């Protein structure tokens, strides 16, 4: 899976979450380097 596919998939999941949960997940993701 390339980075764009990963981000598109991530977007689909984020759309179903509440804003607060989104923020937590985004903070967690961006604290970690991309594999």
C-alpha atoms as a PDB file:
ATOM      1  CA  UNK A   1       0.000   0.000   0.000  1.00  0.00           C
ATOM      2  CA  UNK A   2       1.462   3.365  -0.949  1.00  0.00           C
ATOM      3  CA  UNK A   3       1.167   6.511   1.140  1.00  0.00           C
ATOM      4  CA  UNK A   4      -1.724   7.971  -0.869  1.00  0.00           C
ATOM      5  CA  UNK A   5      -3.749   4.778  -0.563  1.00  0.00           C
ATOM      6  CA  UNK A   6      -3.015   4.742   3.158  1.00  0.00           C
ATOM      7  CA  UNK A   7      -4.200   8.338   3.566  1.00  0.00           C
ATOM      8  CA  UNK A   8      -7.384   7.713   1.564  1.00  0.00           C
ATOM      9  CA  UNK A   9      -8.180   4.688   3.702  1.00  0.00           C
ATOM     10  CA  UNK A  10      -7.432   6.692   6.843  1.00  0.00           C
ATOM     11  CA  UNK A  11      -9.797   9.441   5.676  1.00  0.00           C
ATOM     12  CA  UNK A  12     -12.648   6.954   5.277  1.00  0.00           C
ATOM     13  CA  UNK A  13     -12.177   5.858   8.885  1.00  0.00           C
ATOM     14  CA  UNK A  14     -11.844   9.394  10.215  1.00  0.00           C
ATOM     15  CA  UNK A  15     -15.111  10.463   8.588  1.00  0.00           C
ATOM     16  CA  UNK A  16     -17.074   8.186  10.918  1.00  0.00           C
ATOM     17  CA  UNK A  17     -15.403   9.425  14.095  1.00  0.00           C
ATOM     18  CA  UNK A  18     -16.232  12.351  16.342  1.00  0.00           C
ATOM     19  CA  UNK A  19     -13.957  15.383  16.068  1.00  0.00           C
ATOM     20  CA  UNK A  20     -12.429  14.741  19.481  1.00  0.00           C
ATOM     21  CA  UNK A  21     -11.503  11.167  18.564  1.00  0.00           C
ATOM     22  CA  UNK A  22     -10.094  12.372  15.249  1.00  0.00           C
ATOM     23  CA  UNK A  23      -7.809  14.794  17.045  1.00  0.00           C
ATOM     24  CA  UNK A  24      -6.522  12.071  19.389  1.00  0.00           C
ATOM     25  CA  UNK A  25      -5.822   9.717  16.487  1.00  0.00           C
ATOM     26  CA  UNK A  26      -4.129  12.386  14.381  1.00  0.00           C
ATOM     27  CA  UNK A  27      -1.902  13.404  17.276  1.00  0.00           C
ATOM     28  CA  UNK A  28      -0.979   9.767  17.852  1.00  0.00           C
ATOM     29  CA  UNK A  29      -0.240   9.193  14.156  1.00  0.00           C
ATOM     30  CA  UNK A  30       1.886  12.268  13.655  1.00  0.00           C
ATOM     31  CA  UNK A  31       3.917  11.611  16.786  1.00  0.00           C
ATOM     32  CA  UNK A  32       5.037   8.409  15.058  1.00  0.00           C
ATOM     33  CA  UNK A  33       7.170   8.444  11.900  1.00  0.00           C
ATOM     34  CA  UNK A  34       5.599   6.959   8.788  1.00  0.00           C
ATOM     35  CA  UNK A  35       6.660   3.323   8.415  1.00  0.00           C
END
